[in-house]
C-alpha atoms as a PDB file:
ATOM      1  CA  MET A   1     139.868 -78.297 -30.133  1.00  0.00           C
ATOM      2  CA  ARG A   2     141.176 -78.764 -26.612  1.00  0.00           C
ATOM      3  CA  GLU A   3     141.151 -74.982 -26.053  1.00  0.00           C
ATOM      4  CA  MET A   4     137.612 -74.663 -27.384  1.00  0.00           C
ATOM      5  CA  TYR A   5     136.243 -77.484 -25.203  1.00  0.00           C
ATOM      6  CA  GLY A   6     138.175 -76.182 -22.205  1.00  0.00           C
ATOM      7  CA  ALA A   7     136.601 -72.745 -22.656  1.00  0.00           C
ATOM      8  CA  LEU A   8     133.141 -74.298 -22.947  1.00  0.00           C
ATOM      9  CA  ALA A   9     133.681 -76.311 -19.758  1.00  0.00           C
ATOM     10  CA  ASP A  10     134.912 -73.210 -17.920  1.00  0.00           C
ATOM     11  CA  SER A  11     131.915 -71.110 -18.969  1.00  0.00           C
ATOM     12  CA  SER A  12     129.543 -73.925 -18.015  1.00  0.00           C
ATOM     13  CA  ALA A  13     131.140 -74.176 -14.570  1.00  0.00           C
ATOM     14  CA  ALA A  14     130.897 -70.391 -14.141  1.00  0.00           C
ATOM     15  CA  ARG A  15     127.166 -70.439 -15.022  1.00  0.00           C
ATOM     16  CA  ARG A  16     126.605 -73.294 -12.576  1.00  0.00           C
ATOM     17  CA  ARG A  17     128.381 -71.373  -9.775  1.00  0.00           C
ATOM     18  CA  ALA A  18     126.361 -68.225 -10.555  1.00  0.00           C
ATOM     19  CA  ARG A  19     123.081 -70.190 -10.398  1.00  0.00           C
ATOM     20  CA  GLU A  20     124.119 -71.782  -7.095  1.00  0.00           C
ATOM     21  CA  ALA A  21     124.865 -68.318  -5.672  1.00  0.00           C
ATOM     22  CA  ARG A  22     121.321 -67.126  -6.555  1.00  0.00           C
ATOM     23  CA  ARG A  23     119.633 -70.090  -4.892  1.00  0.00           C
ATOM     24  CA  VAL A  24     117.316 -69.087  -2.053  1.00  0.00           C
ATOM     25  CA  THR A  25     117.836 -71.556   0.767  1.00  0.00           C
ATOM     26  CA  GLY A  26     115.265 -72.540   3.359  1.00  0.00           C
ATOM     27  CA  THR A  27     112.227 -72.347   1.068  1.00  0.00           C
ATOM     28  CA  ARG A  28     109.576 -74.977   0.447  1.00  0.00           C
ATOM     29  CA  PRO A  29     107.288 -75.631  -2.507  1.00  0.00           C
ATOM     30  CA  SER A  30     103.983 -73.749  -2.356  1.00  0.00           C
ATOM     31  CA  LEU A  31     101.987 -76.974  -2.683  1.00  0.00           C
ATOM     32  CA  PRO A  32     102.256 -80.527  -1.375  1.00  0.00           C
ATOM     33  CA  LEU A  33     104.292 -82.492  -3.944  1.00  0.00           C
ATOM     34  CA  ALA A  34     101.278 -84.590  -4.980  1.00  0.00           C
ATOM     35  CA  ARG A  35      99.573 -81.449  -6.307  1.00  0.00           C
ATOM     36  CA  TYR A  36     102.314 -80.895  -8.912  1.00  0.00           C
ATOM     37  CA  ALA A  37     101.737 -84.376 -10.349  1.00  0.00           C
ATOM     38  CA  ALA A  38      99.931 -84.098 -13.697  1.00  0.00           C
ATOM     39  CA  THR A  39     100.476 -84.161 -17.425  1.00  0.00           C
ATOM     40  CA  TYR A  40     101.506 -80.842 -18.946  1.00  0.00           C
ATOM     41  CA  ALA A  41     101.491 -80.276 -22.698  1.00  0.00           C
ATOM     42  CA  ASP A  42     102.078 -77.828 -25.510  1.00  0.00           C
ATOM     43  CA  SER A  43     101.164 -78.360 -29.169  1.00  0.00           C
ATOM     44  CA  LEU A  44     104.727 -77.597 -30.262  1.00  0.00           C
ATOM     45  CA  PHE A  45     106.814 -79.245 -27.534  1.00  0.00           C
ATOM     46  CA  GLY A  46     104.600 -82.229 -26.710  1.00  0.00           C
ATOM     47  CA  ALA A  47     103.766 -83.606 -23.282  1.00  0.00           C
ATOM     48  CA  ALA A  48     105.602 -84.095 -20.014  1.00  0.00           C
ATOM     49  CA  THR A  49     104.240 -86.018 -17.056  1.00  0.00           C
ATOM     50  CA  VAL A  50     105.135 -85.340 -13.441  1.00  0.00           C
ATOM     51  CA  ARG A  51     104.330 -88.220 -11.092  1.00  0.00           C
ATOM     52  CA  GLU A  52     104.971 -89.127  -7.508  1.00  0.00           C
ATOM     53  CA  ALA A  53     107.716 -91.655  -6.832  1.00  0.00           C
ATOM     54  CA  GLY A  54     108.499 -92.559  -3.260  1.00  0.00           C
ATOM     55  CA  ASP A  55     108.770 -89.299  -1.340  1.00  0.00           C
ATOM     56  CA  GLY A  56     109.576 -87.203  -4.424  1.00  0.00           C
ATOM     57  CA  LEU A  57     108.609 -86.448  -8.017  1.00  0.00           C
ATOM     58  CA  VAL A  58     109.731 -87.845 -11.360  1.00  0.00           C
ATOM     59  CA  LEU A  59     109.443 -86.184 -14.767  1.00  0.00           C
ATOM     60  CA  GLN A  60     108.801 -88.174 -17.948  1.00  0.00           C
ATOM     61  CA  ALA A  61     109.314 -86.142 -21.131  1.00  0.00           C
ATOM     62  CA  GLY A  62     109.269 -88.271 -24.258  1.00  0.00           C
ATOM     63  CA  ASP A  63     111.780 -91.072 -23.703  1.00  0.00           C
ATOM     64  CA  ASP A  64     113.625 -89.111 -21.013  1.00  0.00           C
ATOM     65  CA  THR A  65     113.088 -89.565 -17.287  1.00  0.00           C
ATOM     66  CA  GLY A  66     114.494 -87.524 -14.451  1.00  0.00           C
ATOM     67  CA  ALA A  67     114.140 -87.115 -10.698  1.00  0.00           C
ATOM     68  CA  LEU A  68     112.912 -83.720  -9.509  1.00  0.00           C
ATOM     69  CA  GLU A  69     114.696 -82.115  -6.571  1.00  0.00           C
ATOM     70  CA  HIS A  70     113.282 -79.021  -4.907  1.00  0.00           C
ATOM     71  CA  TRP A  71     115.587 -76.078  -5.707  1.00  0.00           C
ATOM     72  CA  HIS A  72     113.763 -73.105  -4.188  1.00  0.00           C
ATOM     73  CA  HIS A  73     110.180 -71.799  -4.080  1.00  0.00           C
ATOM     74  CA  ASP A  74     108.371 -73.569  -6.971  1.00  0.00           C
ATOM     75  CA  VAL A  75     111.550 -74.311  -8.930  1.00  0.00           C
ATOM     76  CA  PHE A  76     112.890 -77.854  -9.179  1.00  0.00           C
ATOM     77  CA  ARG A  77     116.114 -79.273 -10.593  1.00  0.00           C
ATOM     78  CA  VAL A  78     115.788 -82.291 -12.873  1.00  0.00           C
ATOM     79  CA  ARG A  79     118.552 -84.865 -12.699  1.00  0.00           C
ATOM     80  CA  TRP A  80     118.055 -86.778 -15.921  1.00  0.00           C
ATOM     81  CA  ALA A  81     118.561 -90.551 -15.740  1.00  0.00           C
ATOM     82  CA  ASN A  82     120.733 -90.271 -18.840  1.00  0.00           C
ATOM     83  CA  GLY A  83     123.789 -88.633 -17.272  1.00  0.00           C
ATOM     84  CA  PHE A  84     124.778 -87.131 -20.625  1.00  0.00           C
ATOM     85  CA  GLN A  85     121.835 -84.706 -20.309  1.00  0.00           C
ATOM     86  CA  GLY A  86     123.014 -83.404 -16.952  1.00  0.00           C
ATOM     87  CA  THR A  87     120.588 -81.237 -15.004  1.00  0.00           C
ATOM     88  CA  GLU A  88     117.866 -78.797 -15.926  1.00  0.00           C
ATOM     89  CA  TYR A  89     115.544 -76.446 -14.041  1.00  0.00           C
ATOM     90  CA  LEU A  90     111.740 -76.440 -14.049  1.00  0.00           C
ATOM     91  CA  SER A  91     109.400 -73.863 -12.634  1.00  0.00           C
ATOM     92  CA  PHE A  92     105.760 -74.459 -11.781  1.00  0.00           C
ATOM     93  CA  VAL A  93     103.438 -71.500 -12.241  1.00  0.00           C
ATOM     94  CA  LEU A  94     100.379 -71.462 -10.018  1.00  0.00           C
ATOM     95  CA  ASP A  95      96.953 -70.492 -11.350  1.00  0.00           C
ATOM     96  CA  PRO A  96      94.676 -68.163  -9.356  1.00  0.00           C
ATOM     97  CA  ASP A  97      92.820 -71.213  -7.983  1.00  0.00           C
ATOM     98  CA  GLY A  98      96.058 -72.541  -6.447  1.00  0.00           C
ATOM     99  CA  THR A  99      96.743 -75.374  -8.884  1.00  0.00           C
ATOM    100  CA  ALA A 100     100.038 -75.856 -10.694  1.00  0.00           C
ATOM    101  CA  GLY A 101      98.736 -74.726 -14.069  1.00  0.00           C
ATOM    102  CA  GLU A 102     101.964 -74.473 -16.017  1.00  0.00           C
ATOM    103  CA  LEU A 103     105.310 -76.233 -16.173  1.00  0.00           C
ATOM    104  CA  ARG A 104     108.141 -74.105 -17.530  1.00  0.00           C
ATOM    105  CA  PHE A 105     111.517 -75.441 -18.644  1.00  0.00           C
ATOM    106  CA  VAL A 106     113.571 -72.481 -17.414  1.00  0.00           C
ATOM    107  CA  ASP A 107     116.560 -72.589 -19.780  1.00  0.00           C
ATOM    108  CA  ARG A 108     114.644 -73.732 -22.850  1.00  0.00           C
ATOM    109  CA  GLY A 109     111.761 -71.279 -22.503  1.00  0.00           C
ATOM    110  CA  TRP A 110     109.190 -74.059 -23.000  1.00  0.00           C
ATOM    111  CA  ARG A 111     105.800 -73.510 -21.327  1.00  0.00           C
ATOM    112  CA  LEU A 112     103.480 -76.482 -21.008  1.00  0.00           C
ATOM    113  CA  ARG A 113      99.907 -76.144 -19.674  1.00  0.00           C
ATOM    114  CA  ARG A 114      98.384 -78.625 -17.244  1.00  0.00           C
ATOM    115  CA  GLN A 115      95.957 -80.974 -18.960  1.00  0.00           C
ATOM    116  CA  ARG A 116      92.608 -81.157 -17.158  1.00  0.00           C
END
């Protein structure tokens, strides 16, 4: 078991280093943070709400809450309050009218549409 968990930890660390290496530094979100704040939903995955908190954003998805940190462009890293969940990446997709129309959970493949 120790070998198996050690291998899993090593591969996780390697993926994390690879993602860090692909990060584009010096970028900013396309929109002011307040314009990402909304409820996004999908009939299969449910709803997630992005709201302003202080000078940043917070994500509420079901019972889980996490702080959003700008990663690059319109991608944010979620640091879940429950440390067991670790981090996750979200991407906002802009509609032709310039609104954040979709919230995508990058690693899960979930796509939630902004609720009007």
